[in-house]
Amino acid sequence: MKTTMATLIALTAGLSVLQAQSVTAPASASRKPSTQRAKASPPLVVSTLDADHNGIIDAGEIANASQALKSLDKNADGRLSREELRRRRPTRPASTAVSARPMKKRTSAGASETDRR
């Protein structure tokens, strides 16, 4: 019983502190501007059927669905396997501007500034 009461008191105190911090600190000042995440791309089948890429599969796209799905059948066996339905990872273009740098050796934590040089 004592443990239960101590736990409830600790939780109440912790929540009170959190609430007090959120009330006193303005949200815009305490948070860094977040970077926008890229929107998740639709499944490969949906993006294949949506020829005009407007997010809606209309009657014309439904009428051309069999032809669009045949484009996914890489081995032309008349079936779409998991591998054929899986999106390929985007490849990075090889950059010639970035050259490999040699790794620097770490110094020990106790070394002074003059020892590091």
Protein backbone atom coordinates (compact mmCIF):
# COMPACT_ATOMS: atom_id res chain seq x y z
CA MET A 1 0.00 0.00 0.00
CA LYS A 2 2.86 2.38 0.84
CA THR A 3 4.50 1.63 -2.49
CA THR A 4 1.29 2.35 -4.38
CA MET A 5 0.79 5.65 -2.58
CA ALA A 6 4.42 6.67 -3.14
CA THR A 7 4.11 5.84 -6.85
CA LEU A 8 0.91 7.88 -7.20
CA ILE A 9 2.46 10.85 -5.42
CA ALA A 10 5.58 10.69 -7.62
CA LEU A 11 3.49 10.49 -10.80
CA THR A 12 1.32 13.41 -9.68
CA ALA A 13 4.36 15.53 -8.87
CA GLY A 14 6.02 14.67 -12.18
CA LEU A 15 2.92 15.52 -14.19
CA SER A 16 2.54 18.79 -12.30
CA VAL A 17 6.10 19.77 -13.17
CA LEU A 18 5.58 18.88 -16.83
CA GLN A 19 2.36 20.86 -16.98
CA ALA A 20 3.98 23.86 -15.30
CA GLN A 21 6.87 23.79 -17.80
CA SER A 22 4.50 23.68 -20.76
CA VAL A 23 2.46 26.60 -19.41
CA THR A 24 5.42 28.87 -18.59
CA ALA A 25 7.52 28.25 -21.72
CA PRO A 26 5.99 29.47 -24.98
CA ALA A 27 5.87 26.72 -27.56
CA SER A 28 7.51 28.77 -30.31
CA ALA A 29 10.50 29.74 -28.16
CA SER A 30 11.28 26.29 -26.79
CA ARG A 31 11.04 24.35 -30.03
CA LYS A 32 13.40 24.50 -32.92
CA PRO A 33 11.81 24.77 -36.34
CA SER A 34 11.38 21.27 -37.61
CA THR A 35 12.39 20.20 -41.04
CA GLN A 36 9.61 19.03 -43.28
CA ARG A 37 9.50 15.34 -43.91
CA ALA A 38 8.92 14.09 -47.38
CA LYS A 39 5.45 12.75 -47.93
CA ALA A 40 5.23 8.99 -48.06
CA SER A 41 4.91 7.83 -51.61
CA PRO A 42 1.83 5.80 -52.49
CA PRO A 43 2.16 2.05 -53.09
CA LEU A 44 3.71 1.13 -56.42
CA VAL A 45 0.45 -0.26 -57.81
CA VAL A 46 -1.45 2.93 -57.00
CA SER A 47 1.21 5.17 -58.49
CA THR A 48 1.30 2.97 -61.60
CA LEU A 49 -2.48 3.17 -62.06
CA ASP A 50 -2.58 6.93 -61.36
CA ALA A 51 -1.20 8.01 -64.75
CA ASP A 52 -1.67 11.76 -64.21
CA HIS A 53 -0.34 11.58 -60.60
CA ASN A 54 -3.17 13.63 -59.10
CA GLY A 55 -3.88 11.16 -56.29
CA ILE A 56 -7.18 10.02 -57.84
CA ILE A 57 -7.70 6.98 -60.03
CA ASP A 58 -10.44 8.04 -62.43
CA ALA A 59 -12.49 6.04 -64.95
CA GLY A 60 -9.96 6.48 -67.75
CA GLU A 61 -7.15 5.18 -65.56
CA ILE A 62 -9.31 2.23 -64.48
CA ALA A 63 -9.97 1.42 -68.14
CA ASN A 64 -6.20 1.36 -68.78
CA ALA A 65 -5.43 -0.55 -65.56
CA SER A 66 -4.52 -3.86 -67.21
CA GLN A 67 -2.02 -2.18 -69.54
CA ALA A 68 -0.53 -0.17 -66.66
CA LEU A 69 -0.19 -3.27 -64.47
CA LYS A 70 1.50 -5.18 -67.30
CA SER A 71 4.29 -2.60 -67.15
CA LEU A 72 5.10 -3.86 -63.64
CA ASP A 73 5.45 -7.49 -64.82
CA LYS A 74 9.22 -7.42 -65.41
CA ASN A 75 9.60 -11.11 -66.29
CA ALA A 76 6.43 -11.21 -68.46
CA ASP A 77 5.00 -14.29 -66.76
CA GLY A 78 1.53 -12.80 -66.35
CA ARG A 79 1.90 -12.56 -62.57
CA LEU A 80 3.03 -9.79 -60.25
CA SER A 81 5.36 -11.20 -57.60
CA ARG A 82 6.39 -9.46 -54.39
CA GLU A 83 9.70 -8.51 -55.93
CA GLU A 84 7.94 -6.88 -58.88
CA LEU A 85 5.59 -4.97 -56.56
CA ARG A 86 8.43 -3.72 -54.36
CA ARG A 87 9.70 -0.22 -54.99
CA ARG A 88 13.34 0.06 -55.89
CA ARG A 89 15.51 2.17 -53.63
CA PRO A 90 16.56 5.41 -55.26
CA THR A 91 20.19 5.38 -56.29
CA ARG A 92 22.47 8.27 -55.51
CA PRO A 93 24.41 9.76 -58.36
CA ALA A 94 28.14 9.35 -57.98
CA SER A 95 29.63 12.63 -56.85
CA THR A 96 33.10 13.54 -57.99
CA ALA A 97 33.23 16.71 -55.88
CA VAL A 98 33.51 14.86 -52.57
CA SER A 99 36.86 13.24 -52.00
CA ALA A 100 37.71 10.77 -49.29
CA ARG A 101 39.43 12.34 -46.30
CA PRO A 102 41.84 10.40 -44.15
CA MET A 103 40.55 9.67 -40.67
CA LYS A 104 42.13 11.55 -37.80
CA LYS A 105 43.35 9.69 -34.78
CA ARG A 106 41.47 10.47 -31.56
CA THR A 107 43.43 11.82 -28.67
CA SER A 108 43.00 10.61 -25.15
CA ALA A 109 40.52 12.45 -22.91
CA GLY A 110 43.20 13.46 -20.38
CA ALA A 111 45.61 15.01 -22.89
CA SER A 112 46.11 18.76 -22.65
CA GLU A 113 45.63 21.15 -25.58
CA THR A 114 49.37 21.39 -26.19
CA ASP A 115 49.71 17.58 -26.19
CA ARG A 116 47.02 17.29 -28.84
CA ARG A 117 48.93 19.48 -31.30
